[in-house]
Amino acid sequence: MKNNKTELKEYDCVELITDRECYAKDGVYKGMQGWICFAKEVVGFSLVNFPCYGNHPDIATISVRDEDLRIITKDEADDWINDRIKAEHEGKK
């Protein structure tokens, strides 16, 4: 990972730090937060779940390049960030 040298592990809280078309196709954008479901399914990639808050369905569970993720602390986690980013992008369509 270019942003820190810590190895990603299952259940780590992460933030997406790079926009890519392949993520956007699944409704996932820079700044969204998720958690590692399965680390190292493919070398250099991790399976990440990007949830919505409350009873809403999850945005996506997708493979993400490790270099596009930043581990965050529970204090940095924002329950509503994914909902806000999703709404911003849906408003642009």
PDB file of N, CA and C in Angstrom:
ATOM      1  N   MET A   1       0.832  -1.185   0.000  1.00  0.00           N
ATOM      2  CA  MET A   1       0.000   0.000   0.000  1.00  0.00           C
ATOM      3  C   MET A   1       0.869   1.238   0.000  1.00  0.00           C
ATOM      4  N   LYS A   2       0.520   2.212  -0.774  1.00  0.00           N
ATOM      5  CA  LYS A   2       1.329   3.415  -0.829  1.00  0.00           C
ATOM      6  C   LYS A   2       1.067   4.362   0.328  1.00  0.00           C
ATOM      7  N   ASN A   3      -0.106   4.232   0.981  1.00  0.00           N
ATOM      8  CA  ASN A   3      -0.460   5.187   2.015  1.00  0.00           C
ATOM      9  C   ASN A   3      -0.012   4.785   3.409  1.00  0.00           C
ATOM     10  N   ASN A   4       0.179   3.545   3.655  1.00  0.00           N
ATOM     11  CA  ASN A   4       0.803   3.072   4.899  1.00  0.00           C
ATOM     12  C   ASN A   4       1.306   1.660   4.666  1.00  0.00           C
ATOM     13  N   LYS A   5       2.212   1.242   5.489  1.00  0.00           N
ATOM     14  CA  LYS A   5       2.873  -0.044   5.274  1.00  0.00           C
ATOM     15  C   LYS A   5       2.175  -1.187   6.002  1.00  0.00           C
ATOM     16  N   THR A   6       1.062  -0.897   6.672  1.00  0.00           N
ATOM     17  CA  THR A   6       0.353  -1.927   7.409  1.00  0.00           C
ATOM     18  C   THR A   6      -0.363  -2.869   6.452  1.00  0.00           C
ATOM     19  N   GLU A   7      -0.250  -4.137   6.711  1.00  0.00           N
ATOM     20  CA  GLU A   7      -0.937  -5.142   5.914  1.00  0.00           C
ATOM     21  C   GLU A   7      -2.429  -5.116   6.254  1.00  0.00           C
ATOM     22  N   LEU A   8      -3.267  -5.113   5.235  1.00  0.00           N
ATOM     23  CA  LEU A   8      -4.704  -5.133   5.471  1.00  0.00           C
ATOM     24  C   LEU A   8      -5.109  -6.493   6.014  1.00  0.00           C
ATOM     25  N   LYS A   9      -6.049  -6.479   6.967  1.00  0.00           N
ATOM     26  CA  LYS A   9      -6.558  -7.724   7.527  1.00  0.00           C
ATOM     27  C   LYS A   9      -8.084  -7.678   7.571  1.00  0.00           C
ATOM     28  N   GLU A  10      -8.686  -8.836   7.672  1.00  0.00           N
ATOM     29  CA  GLU A  10     -10.135  -8.901   7.750  1.00  0.00           C
ATOM     30  C   GLU A  10     -10.641  -8.034   8.886  1.00  0.00           C
ATOM     31  N   TYR A  11     -11.753  -7.359   8.635  1.00  0.00           N
ATOM     32  CA  TYR A  11     -12.462  -6.483   9.575  1.00  0.00           C
ATOM     33  C   TYR A  11     -11.805  -5.127   9.787  1.00  0.00           C
ATOM     34  N   ASP A  12     -10.688  -4.839   9.101  1.00  0.00           N
ATOM     35  CA  ASP A  12     -10.127  -3.485   9.167  1.00  0.00           C
ATOM     36  C   ASP A  12     -11.144  -2.511   8.579  1.00  0.00           C
ATOM     37  N   CYS A  13     -11.259  -1.339   9.200  1.00  0.00           N
ATOM     38  CA  CYS A  13     -12.059  -0.247   8.642  1.00  0.00           C
ATOM     39  C   CYS A  13     -11.168   0.504   7.658  1.00  0.00           C
ATOM     40  N   VAL A  14     -11.696   0.780   6.470  1.00  0.00           N
ATOM     41  CA  VAL A  14     -10.896   1.416   5.423  1.00  0.00           C
ATOM     42  C   VAL A  14     -11.682   2.538   4.743  1.00  0.00           C
ATOM     43  N   GLU A  15     -10.923   3.430   4.105  1.00  0.00           N
ATOM     44  CA  GLU A  15     -11.496   4.498   3.297  1.00  0.00           C
ATOM     45  C   GLU A  15     -10.929   4.395   1.892  1.00  0.00           C
ATOM     46  N   LEU A  16     -11.777   4.560   0.892  1.00  0.00           N
ATOM     47  CA  LEU A  16     -11.328   4.554  -0.493  1.00  0.00           C
ATOM     48  C   LEU A  16     -10.691   5.904  -0.795  1.00  0.00           C
ATOM     49  N   ILE A  17      -9.447   5.900  -1.264  1.00  0.00           N
ATOM     50  CA  ILE A  17      -8.722   7.155  -1.480  1.00  0.00           C
ATOM     51  C   ILE A  17      -8.532   7.487  -2.955  1.00  0.00           C
ATOM     52  N   THR A  18      -9.073   6.659  -3.847  1.00  0.00           N
ATOM     53  CA  THR A  18      -8.917   6.865  -5.288  1.00  0.00           C
ATOM     54  C   THR A  18     -10.227   6.559  -6.001  1.00  0.00           C
ATOM     55  N   ASP A  19     -10.638   7.445  -6.899  1.00  0.00           N
ATOM     56  CA  ASP A  19     -11.780   7.152  -7.762  1.00  0.00           C
ATOM     57  C   ASP A  19     -11.296   6.355  -8.966  1.00  0.00           C
ATOM     58  N   ARG A  20     -12.037   5.320  -9.303  1.00  0.00           N
ATOM     59  CA  ARG A  20     -11.773   4.543 -10.512  1.00  0.00           C
ATOM     60  C   ARG A  20     -13.122   4.198 -11.140  1.00  0.00           C
ATOM     61  N   GLU A  21     -13.140   4.144 -12.456  1.00  0.00           N
ATOM     62  CA  GLU A  21     -14.375   3.835 -13.170  1.00  0.00           C
ATOM     63  C   GLU A  21     -14.947   2.483 -12.742  1.00  0.00           C
ATOM     64  N   CYS A  22     -14.073   1.521 -12.505  1.00  0.00           N
ATOM     65  CA  CYS A  22     -14.549   0.184 -12.133  1.00  0.00           C
ATOM     66  C   CYS A  22     -15.268   0.200 -10.780  1.00  0.00           C
ATOM     67  N   TYR A  23     -14.878   1.099  -9.872  1.00  0.00           N
ATOM     68  CA  TYR A  23     -15.582   1.216  -8.590  1.00  0.00           C
ATOM     69  C   TYR A  23     -16.889   1.981  -8.785  1.00  0.00           C
ATOM     70  N   ALA A  24     -16.844   3.039  -9.584  1.00  0.00           N
ATOM     71  CA  ALA A  24     -18.019   3.874  -9.815  1.00  0.00           C
ATOM     72  C   ALA A  24     -19.162   3.069 -10.439  1.00  0.00           C
ATOM     73  N   LYS A  25     -18.830   2.085 -11.255  1.00  0.00           N
ATOM     74  CA  LYS A  25     -19.866   1.235 -11.866  1.00  0.00           C
ATOM     75  C   LYS A  25     -20.700   0.534 -10.800  1.00  0.00           C
ATOM     76  N   ASP A  26     -20.096   0.312  -9.624  1.00  0.00           N
ATOM     77  CA  ASP A  26     -20.796  -0.327  -8.513  1.00  0.00           C
ATOM     78  C   ASP A  26     -21.300   0.690  -7.485  1.00  0.00           C
ATOM     79  N   GLY A  27     -21.182   1.986  -7.804  1.00  0.00           N
ATOM     80  CA  GLY A  27     -21.679   3.030  -6.900  1.00  0.00           C
ATOM     81  C   GLY A  27     -20.736   3.364  -5.768  1.00  0.00           C
ATOM     82  N   VAL A  28     -19.451   3.051  -5.916  1.00  0.00           N
ATOM     83  CA  VAL A  28     -18.449   3.301  -4.873  1.00  0.00           C
ATOM     84  C   VAL A  28     -17.515   4.418  -5.342  1.00  0.00           C
ATOM     85  N   TYR A  29     -17.326   5.429  -4.472  1.00  0.00           N
ATOM     86  CA  TYR A  29     -16.549   6.612  -4.835  1.00  0.00           C
ATOM     87  C   TYR A  29     -15.546   6.979  -3.741  1.00  0.00           C
ATOM     88  N   LYS A  30     -14.548   7.755  -4.142  1.00  0.00           N
ATOM     89  CA  LYS A  30     -13.512   8.232  -3.225  1.00  0.00           C
ATOM     90  C   LYS A  30     -14.156   8.845  -1.982  1.00  0.00           C
ATOM     91  N   GLY A  31     -13.608   8.481  -0.826  1.00  0.00           N
ATOM     92  CA  GLY A  31     -14.104   8.990   0.447  1.00  0.00           C
ATOM     93  C   GLY A  31     -15.035   8.033   1.161  1.00  0.00           C
ATOM     94  N   MET A  32     -15.579   7.058   0.422  1.00  0.00           N
ATOM     95  CA  MET A  32     -16.467   6.088   1.065  1.00  0.00           C
ATOM     96  C   MET A  32     -15.671   5.181   1.991  1.00  0.00           C
ATOM     97  N   GLN A  33     -16.361   4.720   3.016  1.00  0.00           N
ATOM     98  CA  GLN A  33     -15.723   3.877   4.017  1.00  0.00           C
ATOM     99  C   GLN A  33     -16.352   2.498   4.020  1.00  0.00           C
ATOM    100  N   GLY A  34     -15.540   1.518   4.332  1.00  0.00           N
ATOM    101  CA  GLY A  34     -16.023   0.147   4.377  1.00  0.00           C
ATOM    102  C   GLY A  34     -15.169  -0.692   5.303  1.00  0.00           C
ATOM    103  N   TRP A  35     -15.313  -1.979   5.176  1.00  0.00           N
ATOM    104  CA  TRP A  35     -14.527  -2.909   5.991  1.00  0.00           C
ATOM    105  C   TRP A  35     -14.088  -4.080   5.123  1.00  0.00           C
ATOM    106  N   ILE A  36     -12.941  -4.612   5.480  1.00  0.00           N
ATOM    107  CA  ILE A  36     -12.345  -5.721   4.728  1.00  0.00           C
ATOM    108  C   ILE A  36     -13.094  -7.009   5.074  1.00  0.00           C
ATOM    109  N   CYS A  37     -13.712  -7.604   4.056  1.00  0.00           N
ATOM    110  CA  CYS A  37     -14.418  -8.883   4.241  1.00  0.00           C
ATOM    111  C   CYS A  37     -13.449 -10.051   4.131  1.00  0.00           C
ATOM    112  N   PHE A  38     -12.554  -9.908   3.159  1.00  0.00           N
ATOM    113  CA  PHE A  38     -11.604 -10.982   2.897  1.00  0.00           C
ATOM    114  C   PHE A  38     -10.359 -10.351   2.310  1.00  0.00           C
ATOM    115  N   ALA A  39      -9.279 -10.468   3.021  1.00  0.00           N
ATOM    116  CA  ALA A  39      -8.021  -9.874   2.566  1.00  0.00           C
ATOM    117  C   ALA A  39      -7.273 -10.874   1.688  1.00  0.00           C
ATOM    118  N   LYS A  40      -6.689 -10.346   0.626  1.00  0.00           N
ATOM    119  CA  LYS A  40      -5.789 -11.110  -0.239  1.00  0.00           C
ATOM    120  C   LYS A  40      -6.455 -12.257  -0.974  1.00  0.00           C
ATOM    121  N   GLU A  41      -7.684 -12.046  -1.433  1.00  0.00           N
ATOM    122  CA  GLU A  41      -8.302 -13.046  -2.304  1.00  0.00           C
ATOM    123  C   GLU A  41      -7.446 -13.172  -3.563  1.00  0.00           C
ATOM    124  N   VAL A  42      -7.015 -12.017  -4.061  1.00  0.00           N
ATOM    125  CA  VAL A  42      -6.067 -11.932  -5.162  1.00  0.00           C
ATOM    126  C   VAL A  42      -4.973 -10.997  -4.669  1.00  0.00           C
ATOM    127  N   VAL A  43      -3.724 -11.327  -4.895  1.00  0.00           N
ATOM    128  CA  VAL A  43      -2.618 -10.514  -4.398  1.00  0.00           C
ATOM    129  C   VAL A  43      -2.793  -9.076  -4.870  1.00  0.00           C
ATOM    130  N   GLY A  44      -2.738  -8.144  -3.911  1.00  0.00           N
ATOM    131  CA  GLY A  44      -2.868  -6.725  -4.230  1.00  0.00           C
ATOM    132  C   GLY A  44      -4.295  -6.209  -4.181  1.00  0.00           C
ATOM    133  N   PHE A  45      -5.263  -7.094  -3.943  1.00  0.00           N
ATOM    134  CA  PHE A  45      -6.673  -6.720  -3.864  1.00  0.00           C
ATOM    135  C   PHE A  45      -7.287  -7.273  -2.582  1.00  0.00           C
ATOM    136  N   SER A  46      -8.306  -6.583  -2.076  1.00  0.00           N
ATOM    137  CA  SER A  46      -9.071  -7.077  -0.937  1.00  0.00           C
ATOM    138  C   SER A  46     -10.549  -6.924  -1.239  1.00  0.00           C
ATOM    139  N   LEU A  47     -11.368  -7.810  -0.686  1.00  0.00           N
ATOM    140  CA  LEU A  47     -12.812  -7.712  -0.825  1.00  0.00           C
ATOM    141  C   LEU A  47     -13.318  -6.763   0.257  1.00  0.00           C
ATOM    142  N   VAL A  48     -14.002  -5.695  -0.161  1.00  0.00           N
ATOM    143  CA  VAL A  48     -14.435  -4.644   0.768  1.00  0.00           C
ATOM    144  C   VAL A  48     -15.946  -4.462   0.669  1.00  0.00           C
ATOM    145  N   ASN A  49     -16.586  -4.387   1.828  1.00  0.00           N
ATOM    146  CA  ASN A  49     -18.010  -4.084   1.898  1.00  0.00           C
ATOM    147  C   ASN A  49     -18.175  -2.602   2.209  1.00  0.00           C
ATOM    148  N   PHE A  50     -19.005  -1.912   1.402  1.00  0.00           N
ATOM    149  CA  PHE A  50     -19.316  -0.507   1.603  1.00  0.00           C
ATOM    150  C   PHE A  50     -20.785  -0.424   2.017  1.00  0.00           C
ATOM    151  N   PRO A  51     -21.043  -0.286   3.328  1.00  0.00           N
ATOM    152  CA  PRO A  51     -22.417  -0.313   3.815  1.00  0.00           C
ATOM    153  C   PRO A  51     -23.100   1.057   3.765  1.00  0.00           C
ATOM    154  N   CYS A  52     -24.430   1.009   3.849  1.00  0.00           N
ATOM    155  CA  CYS A  52     -25.222   2.213   4.110  1.00  0.00           C
ATOM    156  C   CYS A  52     -25.650   2.157   5.568  1.00  0.00           C
ATOM    157  N   TYR A  53     -26.035   3.288   6.095  1.00  0.00           N
ATOM    158  CA  TYR A  53     -26.426   3.359   7.494  1.00  0.00           C
ATOM    159  C   TYR A  53     -27.872   2.897   7.670  1.00  0.00           C
ATOM    160  N   GLY A  54     -28.161   2.328   8.804  1.00  0.00           N
ATOM    161  CA  GLY A  54     -29.531   1.927   9.121  1.00  0.00           C
ATOM    162  C   GLY A  54     -29.940   0.669   8.397  1.00  0.00           C
ATOM    163  N   ASN A  55     -31.199   0.642   7.992  1.00  0.00           N
ATOM    164  CA  ASN A  55     -31.765  -0.552   7.361  1.00  0.00           C
ATOM    165  C   ASN A  55     -31.658  -0.546   5.846  1.00  0.00           C
ATOM    166  N   HIS A  56     -30.863   0.348   5.293  1.00  0.00           N
ATOM    167  CA  HIS A  56     -30.701   0.424   3.842  1.00  0.00           C
ATOM    168  C   HIS A  56     -29.765  -0.685   3.366  1.00  0.00           C
ATOM    169  N   PRO A  57     -29.962  -1.167   2.134  1.00  0.00           N
ATOM    170  CA  PRO A  57     -29.047  -2.199   1.614  1.00  0.00           C
ATOM    171  C   PRO A  57     -27.634  -1.643   1.427  1.00  0.00           C
ATOM    172  N   ASP A  58     -26.658  -2.510   1.529  1.00  0.00           N
ATOM    173  CA  ASP A  58     -25.268  -2.106   1.306  1.00  0.00           C
ATOM    174  C   ASP A  58     -25.105  -1.548  -0.101  1.00  0.00           C
ATOM    175  N   ILE A  59     -24.146  -0.650  -0.270  1.00  0.00           N
ATOM    176  CA  ILE A  59     -23.864  -0.078  -1.581  1.00  0.00           C
ATOM    177  C   ILE A  59     -23.257  -1.150  -2.474  1.00  0.00           C
ATOM    178  N   ALA A  60     -22.219  -1.815  -1.980  1.00  0.00           N
ATOM    179  CA  ALA A  60     -21.553  -2.854  -2.768  1.00  0.00           C
ATOM    180  C   ALA A  60     -20.552  -3.606  -1.904  1.00  0.00           C
ATOM    181  N   THR A  61     -20.231  -4.798  -2.346  1.00  0.00           N
ATOM    182  CA  THR A  61     -19.102  -5.563  -1.825  1.00  0.00           C
ATOM    183  C   THR A  61     -18.281  -5.913  -3.057  1.00  0.00           C
ATOM    184  N   ILE A  62     -17.098  -5.287  -3.159  1.00  0.00           N
ATOM    185  CA  ILE A  62     -16.288  -5.404  -4.377  1.00  0.00           C
ATOM    186  C   ILE A  62     -14.813  -5.615  -4.046  1.00  0.00           C
ATOM    187  N   SER A  63     -14.069  -6.108  -5.029  1.00  0.00           N
ATOM    188  CA  SER A  63     -12.612  -6.199  -4.913  1.00  0.00           C
ATOM    189  C   SER A  63     -12.024  -4.821  -5.177  1.00  0.00           C
ATOM    190  N   VAL A  64     -11.138  -4.391  -4.285  1.00  0.00           N
ATOM    191  CA  VAL A  64     -10.511  -3.066  -4.376  1.00  0.00           C
ATOM    192  C   VAL A  64      -8.999  -3.240  -4.288  1.00  0.00           C
ATOM    193  N   ARG A  65      -8.301  -2.477  -5.109  1.00  0.00           N
ATOM    194  CA  ARG A  65      -6.832  -2.497  -5.027  1.00  0.00           C
ATOM    195  C   ARG A  65      -6.401  -2.017  -3.642  1.00  0.00           C
ATOM    196  N   ASP A  66      -5.483  -2.748  -3.025  1.00  0.00           N
ATOM    197  CA  ASP A  66      -4.988  -2.365  -1.700  1.00  0.00           C
ATOM    198  C   ASP A  66      -4.417  -0.946  -1.705  1.00  0.00           C
ATOM    199  N   GLU A  67      -3.768  -0.558  -2.796  1.00  0.00           N
ATOM    200  CA  GLU A  67      -3.158   0.773  -2.869  1.00  0.00           C
ATOM    201  C   GLU A  67      -4.205   1.889  -2.889  1.00  0.00           C
ATOM    202  N   ASP A  68      -5.472   1.536  -3.126  1.00  0.00           N
ATOM    203  CA  ASP A  68      -6.549   2.519  -3.168  1.00  0.00           C
ATOM    204  C   ASP A  68      -7.270   2.642  -1.835  1.00  0.00           C
ATOM    205  N   LEU A  69      -6.750   1.983  -0.818  1.00  0.00           N
ATOM    206  CA  LEU A  69      -7.384   1.983   0.501  1.00  0.00           C
ATOM    207  C   LEU A  69      -6.473   2.572   1.560  1.00  0.00           C
ATOM    208  N   ARG A  70      -7.110   3.197   2.545  1.00  0.00           N
ATOM    209  CA  ARG A  70      -6.402   3.712   3.722  1.00  0.00           C
ATOM    210  C   ARG A  70      -7.108   3.147   4.940  1.00  0.00           C
ATOM    211  N   ILE A  71      -6.333   2.541   5.844  1.00  0.00           N
ATOM    212  CA  ILE A  71      -6.912   2.045   7.091  1.00  0.00           C
ATOM    213  C   ILE A  71      -7.299   3.245   7.940  1.00  0.00           C
ATOM    214  N   ILE A  72      -8.513   3.189   8.503  1.00  0.00           N
ATOM    215  CA  ILE A  72      -8.964   4.268   9.378  1.00  0.00           C
ATOM    216  C   ILE A  72      -9.255   3.706  10.762  1.00  0.00           C
ATOM    217  N   THR A  73      -9.224   4.599  11.743  1.00  0.00           N
ATOM    218  CA  THR A  73      -9.554   4.198  13.109  1.00  0.00           C
ATOM    219  C   THR A  73     -11.061   4.295  13.303  1.00  0.00           C
ATOM    220  N   LYS A  74     -11.557   3.699  14.353  1.00  0.00           N
ATOM    221  CA  LYS A  74     -12.985   3.782  14.658  1.00  0.00           C
ATOM    222  C   LYS A  74     -13.392   5.233  14.913  1.00  0.00           C
ATOM    223  N   ASP A  75     -12.455   6.048  15.421  1.00  0.00           N
ATOM    224  CA  ASP A  75     -12.752   7.468  15.645  1.00  0.00           C
ATOM    225  C   ASP A  75     -12.934   8.221  14.330  1.00  0.00           C
ATOM    226  N   GLU A  76     -12.274   7.775  13.266  1.00  0.00           N
ATOM    227  CA  GLU A  76     -12.399   8.413  11.958  1.00  0.00           C
ATOM    228  C   GLU A  76     -13.634   7.941  11.197  1.00  0.00           C
ATOM    229  N   ALA A  77     -14.186   6.816  11.617  1.00  0.00           N
ATOM    230  CA  ALA A  77     -15.341   6.251  10.910  1.00  0.00           C
ATOM    231  C   ALA A  77     -16.539   7.184  11.051  1.00  0.00           C
ATOM    232  N   ASP A  78     -17.267   7.360   9.953  1.00  0.00           N
ATOM    233  CA  ASP A  78     -18.433   8.237   9.896  1.00  0.00           C
ATOM    234  C   ASP A  78     -19.599   7.411   9.367  1.00  0.00           C
ATOM    235  N   ASP A  79     -20.587   7.154  10.222  1.00  0.00           N
ATOM    236  CA  ASP A  79     -21.713   6.301   9.843  1.00  0.00           C
ATOM    237  C   ASP A  79     -22.465   6.793   8.604  1.00  0.00           C
ATOM    238  N   TRP A  80     -22.471   8.088   8.379  1.00  0.00           N
ATOM    239  CA  TRP A  80     -23.289   8.660   7.309  1.00  0.00           C
ATOM    240  C   TRP A  80     -22.507   9.021   6.050  1.00  0.00           C
ATOM    241  N   ILE A  81     -21.192   8.890   6.045  1.00  0.00           N
ATOM    242  CA  ILE A  81     -20.384   9.359   4.911  1.00  0.00           C
ATOM    243  C   ILE A  81     -20.786   8.687   3.597  1.00  0.00           C
ATOM    244  N   ASN A  82     -21.007   7.397   3.605  1.00  0.00           N
ATOM    245  CA  ASN A  82     -21.345   6.694   2.363  1.00  0.00           C
ATOM    246  C   ASN A  82     -22.681   7.182   1.803  1.00  0.00           C
ATOM    247  N   ASP A  83     -23.645   7.411   2.693  1.00  0.00           N
ATOM    248  CA  ASP A  83     -24.952   7.896   2.250  1.00  0.00           C
ATOM    249  C   ASP A  83     -24.831   9.285   1.617  1.00  0.00           C
ATOM    250  N   ARG A  84     -24.024  10.156   2.223  1.00  0.00           N
ATOM    251  CA  ARG A  84     -23.839  11.519   1.688  1.00  0.00           C
ATOM    252  C   ARG A  84     -23.140  11.485   0.325  1.00  0.00           C
ATOM    253  N   ILE A  85     -22.078  10.701   0.205  1.00  0.00           N
ATOM    254  CA  ILE A  85     -21.345  10.615  -1.069  1.00  0.00           C
ATOM    255  C   ILE A  85     -22.234  10.004  -2.148  1.00  0.00           C
ATOM    256  N   LYS A  86     -22.976   8.956  -1.803  1.00  0.00           N
ATOM    257  CA  LYS A  86     -23.887   8.322  -2.759  1.00  0.00           C
ATOM    258  C   LYS A  86     -24.907   9.344  -3.255  1.00  0.00           C
ATOM    259  N   ALA A  87     -25.490  10.122  -2.354  1.00  0.00           N
ATOM    260  CA  ALA A  87     -26.494  11.126  -2.730  1.00  0.00           C
ATOM    261  C   ALA A  87     -25.888  12.196  -3.638  1.00  0.00           C
ATOM    262  N   GLU A  88     -24.651  12.623  -3.349  1.00  0.00           N
ATOM    263  CA  GLU A  88     -23.975  13.614  -4.198  1.00  0.00           C
ATOM    264  C   GLU A  88     -23.829  13.104  -5.624  1.00  0.00           C
ATOM    265  N   HIS A  89     -23.416  11.855  -5.769  1.00  0.00           N
ATOM    266  CA  HIS A  89     -23.196  11.289  -7.108  1.00  0.00           C
ATOM    267  C   HIS A  89     -24.502  10.987  -7.820  1.00  0.00           C
ATOM    268  N   GLU A  90     -25.515  10.597  -7.088  1.00  0.00           N
ATOM    269  CA  GLU A  90     -26.819  10.347  -7.720  1.00  0.00           C
ATOM    270  C   GLU A  90     -27.422  11.664  -8.213  1.00  0.00           C
ATOM    271  N   GLY A  91     -27.121  12.765  -7.522  1.00  0.00           N
ATOM    272  CA  GLY A  91     -27.614  14.067  -7.925  1.00  0.00           C
ATOM    273  C   GLY A  91     -26.952  14.591  -9.191  1.00  0.00           C
ATOM    274  N   LYS A  92     -25.740  14.072  -9.519  1.00  0.00           N
ATOM    275  CA  LYS A  92     -25.004  14.496 -10.712  1.00  0.00           C
ATOM    276  C   LYS A  92     -25.474  13.779 -11.966  1.00  0.00           C
ATOM    277  N   LYS A  93     -26.211  12.692 -11.800  1.00  0.00           N
ATOM    278  CA  LYS A  93     -26.627  11.887 -12.971  1.00  0.00           C
ATOM    279  C   LYS A  93     -27.779  12.537 -13.694  1.00  0.00           C
TER     280      LYS A  93
END
